[in-house]
C-alpha atoms as a PDB file:
ATOM      1  CA  MET A   1      26.278  36.689 -49.243  1.00  0.00           C
ATOM      2  CA  GLY A   2      25.511  33.045 -48.862  1.00  0.00           C
ATOM      3  CA  ALA A   3      22.221  31.423 -47.650  1.00  0.00           C
ATOM      4  CA  PRO A   4      21.547  31.760 -44.020  1.00  0.00           C
ATOM      5  CA  ARG A   5      22.672  28.706 -41.706  1.00  0.00           C
ATOM      6  CA  ARG A   6      20.025  26.784 -40.285  1.00  0.00           C
ATOM      7  CA  PRO A   7      20.749  26.542 -36.704  1.00  0.00           C
ATOM      8  CA  GLU A   8      21.687  23.104 -35.773  1.00  0.00           C
ATOM      9  CA  ALA A   9      19.412  20.929 -33.828  1.00  0.00           C
ATOM     10  CA  ARG A  10      20.741  20.540 -30.420  1.00  0.00           C
ATOM     11  CA  SER A  11      20.576  17.415 -28.630  1.00  0.00           C
ATOM     12  CA  PRO A  12      18.851  17.741 -25.269  1.00  0.00           C
ATOM     13  CA  ALA A  13      21.289  18.292 -22.351  1.00  0.00           C
ATOM     14  CA  VAL A  14      19.947  15.691 -20.114  1.00  0.00           C
ATOM     15  CA  THR A  15      18.550  12.489 -21.499  1.00  0.00           C
ATOM     16  CA  ALA A  16      15.639  11.021 -19.548  1.00  0.00           C
ATOM     17  CA  VAL A  17      16.437   7.504 -18.743  1.00  0.00           C
ATOM     18  CA  HIS A  18      13.620   5.017 -17.727  1.00  0.00           C
ATOM     19  CA  PRO A  19      14.727   2.654 -15.299  1.00  0.00           C
ATOM     20  CA  ALA A  20      13.650  -1.062 -15.810  1.00  0.00           C
ATOM     21  CA  PRO A  21      10.856  -1.671 -13.885  1.00  0.00           C
ATOM     22  CA  CYS A  22      11.931  -3.538 -10.922  1.00  0.00           C
ATOM     23  CA  PRO A  23      10.566  -7.253 -11.058  1.00  0.00           C
ATOM     24  CA  ALA A  24       7.823  -8.352  -8.436  1.00  0.00           C
ATOM     25  CA  PRO A  25       8.874 -10.320  -5.667  1.00  0.00           C
ATOM     26  CA  ARG A  26       8.984 -13.969  -6.067  1.00  0.00           C
ATOM     27  CA  ARG A  27       5.987 -15.346  -4.147  1.00  0.00           C
ATOM     28  CA  VAL A  28       6.506 -18.859  -2.316  1.00  0.00           C
ATOM     29  CA  PRO A  29       3.613 -20.962  -3.397  1.00  0.00           C
ATOM     30  CA  PRO A  30       1.126 -21.446  -0.283  1.00  0.00           C
ATOM     31  CA  ALA A  31       1.289 -25.101  -0.778  1.00  0.00           C
ATOM     32  CA  VAL A  32       5.211 -24.988   0.312  1.00  0.00           C
ATOM     33  CA  PHE A  33       3.914 -23.048   3.838  1.00  0.00           C
ATOM     34  CA  ALA A  34       1.092 -25.802   4.169  1.00  0.00           C
ATOM     35  CA  GLY A  35       3.446 -28.757   3.282  1.00  0.00           C
ATOM     36  CA  THR A  36       5.993 -27.164   5.771  1.00  0.00           C
ATOM     37  CA  ALA A  37       3.241 -26.858   8.713  1.00  0.00           C
ATOM     38  CA  ALA A  38       1.734 -30.220   7.958  1.00  0.00           C
ATOM     39  CA  ALA A  39       5.415 -32.070   7.939  1.00  0.00           C
ATOM     40  CA  GLY A  40       6.237 -30.297  11.261  1.00  0.00           C
ATOM     41  CA  LEU A  41       3.251 -31.210  12.974  1.00  0.00           C
ATOM     42  CA  ALA A  42       3.317 -34.768  11.714  1.00  0.00           C
ATOM     43  CA  VAL A  43       7.166 -34.825  12.928  1.00  0.00           C
ATOM     44  CA  SER A  44       6.449 -33.432  16.297  1.00  0.00           C
ATOM     45  CA  ALA A  45       3.699 -36.049  17.006  1.00  0.00           C
ATOM     46  CA  TRP A  46       6.258 -38.980  16.655  1.00  0.00           C
ATOM     47  CA  GLY A  47       7.706 -39.494  20.057  1.00  0.00           C
ATOM     48  CA  ALA A  48       6.011 -36.647  21.804  1.00  0.00           C
ATOM     49  CA  TYR A  49       6.720 -36.478  25.535  1.00  0.00           C
ATOM     50  CA  ASP A  50       3.062 -36.619  26.250  1.00  0.00           C
ATOM     51  CA  ARG A  51       0.470 -37.160  23.574  1.00  0.00           C
ATOM     52  CA  PRO A  52      -2.781 -35.593  25.011  1.00  0.00           C
ATOM     53  CA  THR A  53      -0.426 -32.496  25.740  1.00  0.00           C
ATOM     54  CA  TRP A  54       0.882 -32.403  22.268  1.00  0.00           C
ATOM     55  CA  PHE A  55      -2.652 -32.501  21.118  1.00  0.00           C
ATOM     56  CA  LEU A  56      -3.512 -29.422  23.381  1.00  0.00           C
ATOM     57  CA  GLU A  57      -0.523 -27.298  22.452  1.00  0.00           C
ATOM     58  CA  THR A  58      -0.984 -28.224  18.550  1.00  0.00           C
ATOM     59  CA  VAL A  59      -4.946 -27.820  18.481  1.00  0.00           C
ATOM     60  CA  TRP A  60      -4.912 -24.451  16.636  1.00  0.00           C
ATOM     61  CA  ALA A  61      -2.645 -25.555  14.107  1.00  0.00           C
ATOM     62  CA  LEU A  62      -4.570 -28.774  13.508  1.00  0.00           C
ATOM     63  CA  VAL A  63      -7.717 -27.061  13.046  1.00  0.00           C
ATOM     64  CA  GLY A  64      -6.350 -23.893  11.331  1.00  0.00           C
ATOM     65  CA  LEU A  65      -4.319 -25.603   8.725  1.00  0.00           C
ATOM     66  CA  PRO A  66      -7.557 -27.215   7.070  1.00  0.00           C
ATOM     67  CA  VAL A  67      -9.524 -24.577   7.272  1.00  0.00           C
ATOM     68  CA  VAL A  68      -7.138 -22.222   5.578  1.00  0.00           C
ATOM     69  CA  VAL A  69      -6.919 -24.915   2.949  1.00  0.00           C
ATOM     70  CA  LEU A  70     -10.741 -25.512   2.291  1.00  0.00           C
ATOM     71  CA  ALA A  71     -11.239 -21.844   2.354  1.00  0.00           C
ATOM     72  CA  TRP A  72      -8.102 -20.786   0.095  1.00  0.00           C
ATOM     73  CA  ARG A  73     -10.440 -20.500  -3.197  1.00  0.00           C
ATOM     74  CA  ARG A  74     -12.985 -18.171  -1.690  1.00  0.00           C
ATOM     75  CA  PHE A  75     -10.560 -16.459   0.706  1.00  0.00           C
ATOM     76  CA  PRO A  76      -6.623 -16.812  -0.203  1.00  0.00           C
ATOM     77  CA  LEU A  77      -4.290 -14.976   2.236  1.00  0.00           C
ATOM     78  CA  THR A  78      -1.332 -12.757   1.740  1.00  0.00           C
ATOM     79  CA  GLY A  79       1.897 -14.521   1.465  1.00  0.00           C
ATOM     80  CA  LEU A  80       3.317 -12.825   4.470  1.00  0.00           C
ATOM     81  CA  LEU A  81       0.323 -14.025   6.694  1.00  0.00           C
ATOM     82  CA  CYS A  82       0.971 -17.692   5.347  1.00  0.00           C
ATOM     83  CA  GLY A  83       4.701 -17.520   6.330  1.00  0.00           C
ATOM     84  CA  LEU A  84       3.857 -16.172   9.687  1.00  0.00           C
ATOM     85  CA  LEU A  85       1.217 -18.944  10.190  1.00  0.00           C
ATOM     86  CA  ALA A  86       3.602 -21.750   9.319  1.00  0.00           C
ATOM     87  CA  ALA A  87       6.128 -20.531  11.653  1.00  0.00           C
ATOM     88  CA  HIS A  88       3.667 -20.300  14.219  1.00  0.00           C
ATOM     89  CA  ALA A  89       2.546 -23.947  13.543  1.00  0.00           C
ATOM     90  CA  MET A  90       6.460 -24.727  14.075  1.00  0.00           C
ATOM     91  CA  VAL A  91       6.598 -22.978  17.420  1.00  0.00           C
ATOM     92  CA  LEU A  92       3.456 -24.959  18.582  1.00  0.00           C
ATOM     93  CA  ALA A  93       4.867 -28.454  17.176  1.00  0.00           C
ATOM     94  CA  VAL A  94       7.998 -27.897  19.044  1.00  0.00           C
ATOM     95  CA  GLY A  95       6.295 -26.907  22.314  1.00  0.00           C
ATOM     96  CA  GLY A  96       4.111 -29.688  21.876  1.00  0.00           C
ATOM     97  CA  HIS A  97       6.749 -32.460  21.177  1.00  0.00           C
ATOM     98  CA  TYR A  98       8.830 -31.376  24.171  1.00  0.00           C
ATOM     99  CA  THR A  99       6.239 -29.619  26.231  1.00  0.00           C
ATOM    100  CA  TYR A 100       7.082 -25.998  26.807  1.00  0.00           C
ATOM    101  CA  ALA A 101       9.026 -26.286  29.977  1.00  0.00           C
ATOM    102  CA  ARG A 102      11.556 -28.777  28.329  1.00  0.00           C
ATOM    103  CA  VAL A 103      12.265 -27.554  25.138  1.00  0.00           C
ATOM    104  CA  PRO A 104      16.165 -27.935  24.617  1.00  0.00           C
ATOM    105  CA  ALA A 105      16.716 -24.703  23.200  1.00  0.00           C
ATOM    106  CA  GLY A 106      14.765 -23.158  26.200  1.00  0.00           C
ATOM    107  CA  ASP A 107      16.897 -24.892  28.489  1.00  0.00           C
ATOM    108  CA  TRP A 108      20.230 -23.772  26.813  1.00  0.00           C
ATOM    109  CA  VAL A 109      18.722 -20.072  26.987  1.00  0.00           C
ATOM    110  CA  ARG A 110      18.286 -20.496  30.830  1.00  0.00           C
ATOM    111  CA  ASP A 111      21.643 -21.934  31.563  1.00  0.00           C
ATOM    112  CA  ALA A 112      23.380 -19.415  29.265  1.00  0.00           C
ATOM    113  CA  PHE A 113      21.846 -16.517  31.118  1.00  0.00           C
ATOM    114  CA  GLY A 114      21.011 -17.715  34.581  1.00  0.00           C
ATOM    115  CA  LEU A 115      17.049 -17.713  34.224  1.00  0.00           C
ATOM    116  CA  ASP A 116      15.160 -19.249  36.968  1.00  0.00           C
ATOM    117  CA  ARG A 117      12.971 -21.092  34.326  1.00  0.00           C
ATOM    118  CA  ASN A 118      12.564 -22.249  30.530  1.00  0.00           C
ATOM    119  CA  PRO A 119      11.881 -19.512  28.582  1.00  0.00           C
ATOM    120  CA  TYR A 120      10.082 -21.048  25.463  1.00  0.00           C
ATOM    121  CA  ASP A 121       6.959 -20.596  27.200  1.00  0.00           C
ATOM    122  CA  ARG A 122       7.163 -17.085  27.031  1.00  0.00           C
ATOM    123  CA  PHE A 123       8.501 -17.042  23.870  1.00  0.00           C
ATOM    124  CA  GLY A 124       5.574 -19.269  22.712  1.00  0.00           C
ATOM    125  CA  HIS A 125       3.169 -16.854  24.221  1.00  0.00           C
ATOM    126  CA  LEU A 126       4.945 -13.535  22.260  1.00  0.00           C
ATOM    127  CA  VAL A 127       4.285 -15.470  19.214  1.00  0.00           C
ATOM    128  CA  GLN A 128       0.907 -15.827  20.137  1.00  0.00           C
ATOM    129  CA  GLY A 129       0.391 -12.072  19.978  1.00  0.00           C
ATOM    130  CA  PHE A 130       2.862 -11.255  17.090  1.00  0.00           C
ATOM    131  CA  VAL A 131       1.230 -13.798  14.761  1.00  0.00           C
ATOM    132  CA  PRO A 132      -2.512 -13.423  15.534  1.00  0.00           C
ATOM    133  CA  ALA A 133      -2.267  -9.796  15.262  1.00  0.00           C
ATOM    134  CA  MET A 134      -1.643  -9.986  11.490  1.00  0.00           C
ATOM    135  CA  LEU A 135      -4.371 -12.386  11.019  1.00  0.00           C
ATOM    136  CA  VAL A 136      -6.467 -10.306  12.727  1.00  0.00           C
ATOM    137  CA  ARG A 137      -5.447  -7.308  10.921  1.00  0.00           C
ATOM    138  CA  GLU A 138      -6.061  -9.238   7.433  1.00  0.00           C
ATOM    139  CA  LEU A 139      -9.427 -10.262   8.315  1.00  0.00           C
ATOM    140  CA  LEU A 140     -10.595  -6.714   9.594  1.00  0.00           C
ATOM    141  CA  SER A 141      -8.911  -4.925   6.603  1.00  0.00           C
ATOM    142  CA  ARG A 142     -10.737  -7.113   4.098  1.00  0.00           C
ATOM    143  CA  THR A 143     -14.077  -7.685   5.600  1.00  0.00           C
ATOM    144  CA  SER A 144     -14.674  -4.487   7.462  1.00  0.00           C
ATOM    145  CA  PRO A 145     -14.547  -0.660   6.698  1.00  0.00           C
ATOM    146  CA  LEU A 146     -11.323  -0.723   9.011  1.00  0.00           C
ATOM    147  CA  ARG A 147      -8.742  -0.833   6.420  1.00  0.00           C
ATOM    148  CA  GLY A 148      -6.809   2.606   6.815  1.00  0.00           C
ATOM    149  CA  SER A 149      -8.724   3.488   9.801  1.00  0.00           C
ATOM    150  CA  ARG A 150      -6.892   4.927  12.981  1.00  0.00           C
ATOM    151  CA  TRP A 151      -8.914   2.071  14.985  1.00  0.00           C
ATOM    152  CA  LEU A 152      -7.555  -1.012  13.072  1.00  0.00           C
ATOM    153  CA  ALA A 153      -4.278  -1.200  15.130  1.00  0.00           C
ATOM    154  CA  PRO A 154      -5.906  -0.787  18.440  1.00  0.00           C
ATOM    155  CA  LEU A 155      -8.698  -3.106  17.876  1.00  0.00           C
ATOM    156  CA  THR A 156      -6.063  -5.809  16.412  1.00  0.00           C
ATOM    157  CA  VAL A 157      -4.397  -5.660  19.922  1.00  0.00           C
ATOM    158  CA  CYS A 158      -7.667  -5.799  21.672  1.00  0.00           C
ATOM    159  CA  ALA A 159      -8.481  -8.954  19.903  1.00  0.00           C
ATOM    160  CA  CYS A 160      -5.134 -10.489  20.246  1.00  0.00           C
ATOM    161  CA  LEU A 161      -5.351  -9.821  24.158  1.00  0.00           C
ATOM    162  CA  ALA A 162      -9.020 -11.001  24.321  1.00  0.00           C
ATOM    163  CA  PHE A 163      -7.624 -14.306  22.569  1.00  0.00           C
ATOM    164  CA  SER A 164      -4.721 -14.828  25.038  1.00  0.00           C
ATOM    165  CA  ALA A 165      -7.319 -14.243  27.764  1.00  0.00           C
ATOM    166  CA  CYS A 166      -9.634 -17.156  26.263  1.00  0.00           C
ATOM    167  CA  PHE A 167      -6.422 -19.408  25.957  1.00  0.00           C
ATOM    168  CA  GLU A 168      -5.408 -18.903  29.799  1.00  0.00           C
ATOM    169  CA  LEU A 169      -9.191 -19.726  30.827  1.00  0.00           C
ATOM    170  CA  LEU A 170      -8.861 -23.028  28.646  1.00  0.00           C
ATOM    171  CA  GLU A 171      -5.597 -23.554  30.769  1.00  0.00           C
ATOM    172  CA  TRP A 172      -7.442 -23.068  33.950  1.00  0.00           C
ATOM    173  CA  LEU A 173     -10.283 -25.752  32.452  1.00  0.00           C
ATOM    174  CA  ALA A 174      -7.505 -28.310  31.805  1.00  0.00           C
ATOM    175  CA  ALA A 175      -6.145 -27.653  35.189  1.00  0.00           C
ATOM    176  CA  GLU A 176      -9.435 -28.005  36.839  1.00  0.00           C
ATOM    177  CA  ILE A 177     -10.178 -31.084  35.109  1.00  0.00           C
ATOM    178  CA  GLY A 178      -6.648 -32.553  34.500  1.00  0.00           C
ATOM    179  CA  GLY A 179      -5.261 -31.663  38.191  1.00  0.00           C
ATOM    180  CA  HIS A 180      -1.792 -32.465  38.144  1.00  0.00           C
ATOM    181  CA  GLY A 181      -1.904 -34.269  35.072  1.00  0.00           C
ATOM    182  CA  ALA A 182      -2.309 -30.928  33.357  1.00  0.00           C
ATOM    183  CA  ASP A 183       1.189 -29.433  34.671  1.00  0.00           C
ATOM    184  CA  ALA A 184       2.786 -30.140  31.386  1.00  0.00           C
ATOM    185  CA  PHE A 185       0.242 -28.167  29.514  1.00  0.00           C
ATOM    186  CA  LEU A 186       0.445 -25.044  31.909  1.00  0.00           C
ATOM    187  CA  ALA A 187       4.046 -24.876  32.067  1.00  0.00           C
ATOM    188  CA  THR A 188       3.761 -22.425  35.011  1.00  0.00           C
ATOM    189  CA  GLN A 189       7.049 -23.997  36.063  1.00  0.00           C
ATOM    190  CA  GLY A 190       6.167 -22.724  39.790  1.00  0.00           C
ATOM    191  CA  ASP A 191       5.320 -19.053  38.919  1.00  0.00           C
ATOM    192  CA  VAL A 192       2.354 -17.910  40.375  1.00  0.00           C
ATOM    193  CA  TRP A 193       2.104 -15.002  37.872  1.00  0.00           C
ATOM    194  CA  ASP A 194       2.426 -17.149  35.075  1.00  0.00           C
ATOM    195  CA  THR A 195      -1.380 -16.327  33.765  1.00  0.00           C
ATOM    196  CA  GLN A 196      -0.352 -12.427  33.685  1.00  0.00           C
ATOM    197  CA  TRP A 197       3.153 -12.857  32.316  1.00  0.00           C
ATOM    198  CA  ASP A 198       1.927 -14.902  29.340  1.00  0.00           C
ATOM    199  CA  MET A 199      -0.927 -12.429  28.446  1.00  0.00           C
ATOM    200  CA  PHE A 200       1.437  -9.515  28.665  1.00  0.00           C
ATOM    201  CA  CYS A 201       3.663 -11.292  26.360  1.00  0.00           C
ATOM    202  CA  ALA A 202       0.979 -11.940  23.968  1.00  0.00           C
ATOM    203  CA  LEU A 203       0.343  -8.018  24.333  1.00  0.00           C
ATOM    204  CA  ILE A 204       3.806  -7.181  23.609  1.00  0.00           C
ATOM    205  CA  GLY A 205       3.861  -9.325  20.501  1.00  0.00           C
ATOM    206  CA  ALA A 206       0.891  -8.113  18.940  1.00  0.00           C
ATOM    207  CA  VAL A 207       2.176  -4.443  19.520  1.00  0.00           C
ATOM    208  CA  LEU A 208       5.606  -5.405  18.041  1.00  0.00           C
ATOM    209  CA  SER A 209       3.618  -6.915  15.127  1.00  0.00           C
ATOM    210  CA  LEU A 210       1.792  -4.043  14.130  1.00  0.00           C
ATOM    211  CA  LEU A 211       4.629  -1.551  14.337  1.00  0.00           C
ATOM    212  CA  LEU A 212       7.217  -3.928  12.208  1.00  0.00           C
ATOM    213  CA  LEU A 213       4.998  -5.419   9.703  1.00  0.00           C
ATOM    214  CA  SER A 214       2.058  -3.132   9.089  1.00  0.00           C
ATOM    215  CA  ARG A 215       3.402  -1.412   5.979  1.00  0.00           C
ATOM    216  CA  LEU A 216       5.139  -4.880   4.697  1.00  0.00           C
ATOM    217  CA  HIS A 217       1.474  -6.362   5.239  1.00  0.00           C
ATOM    218  CA  ASP A 218      -0.391  -3.430   3.224  1.00  0.00           C
ATOM    219  CA  ARG A 219       1.987  -4.020   0.575  1.00  0.00           C
ATOM    220  CA  HIS A 220       0.864  -7.697   0.614  1.00  0.00           C
ATOM    221  CA  LEU A 221      -2.788  -6.801   0.844  1.00  0.00           C
ATOM    222  CA  ARG A 222      -2.367  -4.417  -2.443  1.00  0.00           C
ATOM    223  CA  MET A 223      -0.670  -7.342  -3.964  1.00  0.00           C
ATOM    224  CA  LEU A 224      -3.599  -9.751  -3.361  1.00  0.00           C
ATOM    225  CA  ASP A 225      -6.055  -6.809  -4.583  1.00  0.00           C
ATOM    226  CA  GLY A 226      -4.021  -6.841  -7.877  1.00  0.00           C
ATOM    227  CA  ALA A 227      -4.041 -10.704  -8.321  1.00  0.00           C
ATOM    228  CA  ALA A 228      -7.948 -10.630  -7.572  1.00  0.00           C
ATOM    229  CA  ASP A 229      -8.390  -7.981 -10.126  1.00  0.00           C
ATOM    230  CA  ALA A 230      -6.587  -9.982 -12.561  1.00  0.00           C
ATOM    231  CA  ARG A 231      -8.310 -12.962 -12.324  1.00  0.00           C
ATOM    232  CA  ARG A 232     -11.814 -10.912 -12.903  1.00  0.00           C
END
């Protein structure tokens, strides 16, 4: 009898395959967003319909952009928020250049859908809730114990609605001081419920922003945390 045969080593039936790690999403340099916002504001100031109205409509971007740039080293923002803030600056720039009641794209929408008014003002107030919602959410997530709390979303909405109400009070003050000269800034277009509609649009914008972007925003916050840990 021959020597017993050794059992042949069997290769595993299933070979574990380790997928290549997915590359991290490419981040747009913050300077690109800042430059885009600055260029848009500069272009909108050139030949603006009414210079005082342009300033009143764009003052939030004119003040906010330098604040973000100066505070960047100590408090950088997520890429998502930078993109949203730049987009909001463009909305303000267009409204300031033409005034909200005269934006050509709004006139086209009004005529195409048979509306009673140019809807760009409504769109602007929707964005006034949509973008600040992510700003407030980021500030609260990074500077308070509310990150991951069930109170984060409702408090964010409340903050956006409060900001919208303060803006309407500023419009009322402008109307008291400027009289009919402030009509271009108010953009009521004859609607006696314009103030209420503006706040309602901001409320809807804030709620939509949280519903659509919260998960994406959380990923960007984790990426920002990882970058901060790597620098330490």
